[in-house]
Amino acid sequence: MMEILGLNVPDTVYVMFAGTIGKIANEIANLQRTEIAQIEEDFVEGKVGSSTMPQNETR
């Protein structure tokens, strides 16, 4: 399949690195769930929403 698509075999180090990063991201997402709530984003005065989502601030 890789030959048909003209792709090279991925380097093992990159595959392991991507898998590890995915596992870390999954663990963080699970620990942020409300029923677990072991980690959470800081709240500071004036913050309107998630730091990853643009928000329109109304005053």
C-alpha atoms as a PDB file:
ATOM      1  CA  MET A   1       0.000   0.000   0.000  1.00  0.00           C
ATOM      2  CA  MET A   2       2.822   2.393   0.876  1.00  0.00           C
ATOM      3  CA  GLU A   3       4.470   1.751  -2.513  1.00  0.00           C
ATOM      4  CA  ILE A   4       1.178   2.355  -4.363  1.00  0.00           C
ATOM      5  CA  LEU A   5       0.763   5.711  -2.596  1.00  0.00           C
ATOM      6  CA  GLY A   6       4.411   6.595  -3.167  1.00  0.00           C
ATOM      7  CA  LEU A   7       5.131   6.882   0.558  1.00  0.00           C
ATOM      8  CA  ASN A   8       8.245   5.804   2.419  1.00  0.00           C
ATOM      9  CA  VAL A   9       8.102   3.589   5.460  1.00  0.00           C
ATOM     10  CA  PRO A  10       7.887   5.876   8.517  1.00  0.00           C
ATOM     11  CA  ASP A  11      10.941   6.061  10.741  1.00  0.00           C
ATOM     12  CA  THR A  12      10.364   4.061  13.942  1.00  0.00           C
ATOM     13  CA  VAL A  13      11.509   6.928  16.161  1.00  0.00           C
ATOM     14  CA  TYR A  14       8.874   9.270  14.700  1.00  0.00           C
ATOM     15  CA  VAL A  15       6.172   6.633  15.091  1.00  0.00           C
ATOM     16  CA  MET A  16       7.072   6.043  18.748  1.00  0.00           C
ATOM     17  CA  PHE A  17       7.289   9.797  19.400  1.00  0.00           C
ATOM     18  CA  ALA A  18       3.870  10.447  17.847  1.00  0.00           C
ATOM     19  CA  GLY A  19       2.345   7.560  19.800  1.00  0.00           C
ATOM     20  CA  THR A  20       3.806   8.826  23.069  1.00  0.00           C
ATOM     21  CA  ILE A  21       2.572  12.385  22.481  1.00  0.00           C
ATOM     22  CA  GLY A  22      -0.890  10.989  21.682  1.00  0.00           C
ATOM     23  CA  LYS A  23      -0.942   8.995  24.935  1.00  0.00           C
ATOM     24  CA  ILE A  24       0.088  12.058  26.955  1.00  0.00           C
ATOM     25  CA  ALA A  25      -2.607  14.195  25.315  1.00  0.00           C
ATOM     26  CA  ASN A  26      -5.213  11.498  25.969  1.00  0.00           C
ATOM     27  CA  GLU A  27      -4.179  11.258  29.636  1.00  0.00           C
ATOM     28  CA  ILE A  28      -4.437  15.040  30.076  1.00  0.00           C
ATOM     29  CA  ALA A  29      -7.883  15.072  28.451  1.00  0.00           C
ATOM     30  CA  ASN A  30      -9.061  12.255  30.728  1.00  0.00           C
ATOM     31  CA  LEU A  31      -7.730  13.935  33.880  1.00  0.00           C
ATOM     32  CA  GLN A  32      -9.619  17.133  32.957  1.00  0.00           C
ATOM     33  CA  ARG A  33     -13.003  15.371  32.756  1.00  0.00           C
ATOM     34  CA  THR A  34     -15.457  16.742  35.320  1.00  0.00           C
ATOM     35  CA  GLU A  35     -16.013  13.385  36.995  1.00  0.00           C
ATOM     36  CA  ILE A  36     -12.250  13.001  37.592  1.00  0.00           C
ATOM     37  CA  ALA A  37     -11.186  16.682  37.863  1.00  0.00           C
ATOM     38  CA  GLN A  38      -7.585  16.037  38.880  1.00  0.00           C
ATOM     39  CA  ILE A  39      -6.198  18.812  36.682  1.00  0.00           C
ATOM     40  CA  GLU A  40      -7.837  22.006  35.500  1.00  0.00           C
ATOM     41  CA  GLU A  41      -7.038  25.270  33.804  1.00  0.00           C
ATOM     42  CA  ASP A  42      -6.276  28.243  36.013  1.00  0.00           C
ATOM     43  CA  PHE A  43      -8.952  30.888  36.333  1.00  0.00           C
ATOM     44  CA  VAL A  44      -7.917  34.521  36.478  1.00  0.00           C
ATOM     45  CA  GLU A  45     -10.075  37.627  36.714  1.00  0.00           C
ATOM     46  CA  GLY A  46     -11.231  38.723  33.261  1.00  0.00           C
ATOM     47  CA  LYS A  47     -10.851  35.318  31.640  1.00  0.00           C
ATOM     48  CA  VAL A  48     -13.852  34.522  29.465  1.00  0.00           C
ATOM     49  CA  GLY A  49     -13.314  30.986  28.228  1.00  0.00           C
ATOM     50  CA  SER A  50     -10.905  28.342  27.114  1.00  0.00           C
ATOM     51  CA  SER A  51      -7.453  29.472  26.108  1.00  0.00           C
ATOM     52  CA  THR A  52      -7.757  27.372  22.950  1.00  0.00           C
ATOM     53  CA  MET A  53     -11.009  28.883  21.710  1.00  0.00           C
ATOM     54  CA  PRO A  54     -11.369  32.539  20.684  1.00  0.00           C
ATOM     55  CA  GLN A  55     -14.053  34.263  22.728  1.00  0.00           C
ATOM     56  CA  ASN A  56     -15.815  37.565  22.229  1.00  0.00           C
ATOM     57  CA  GLU A  57     -15.597  39.502  25.438  1.00  0.00           C
ATOM     58  CA  THR A  58     -18.690  41.508  26.333  1.00  0.00           C
ATOM     59  CA  ARG A  59     -18.547  44.322  28.860  1.00  0.00           C
END
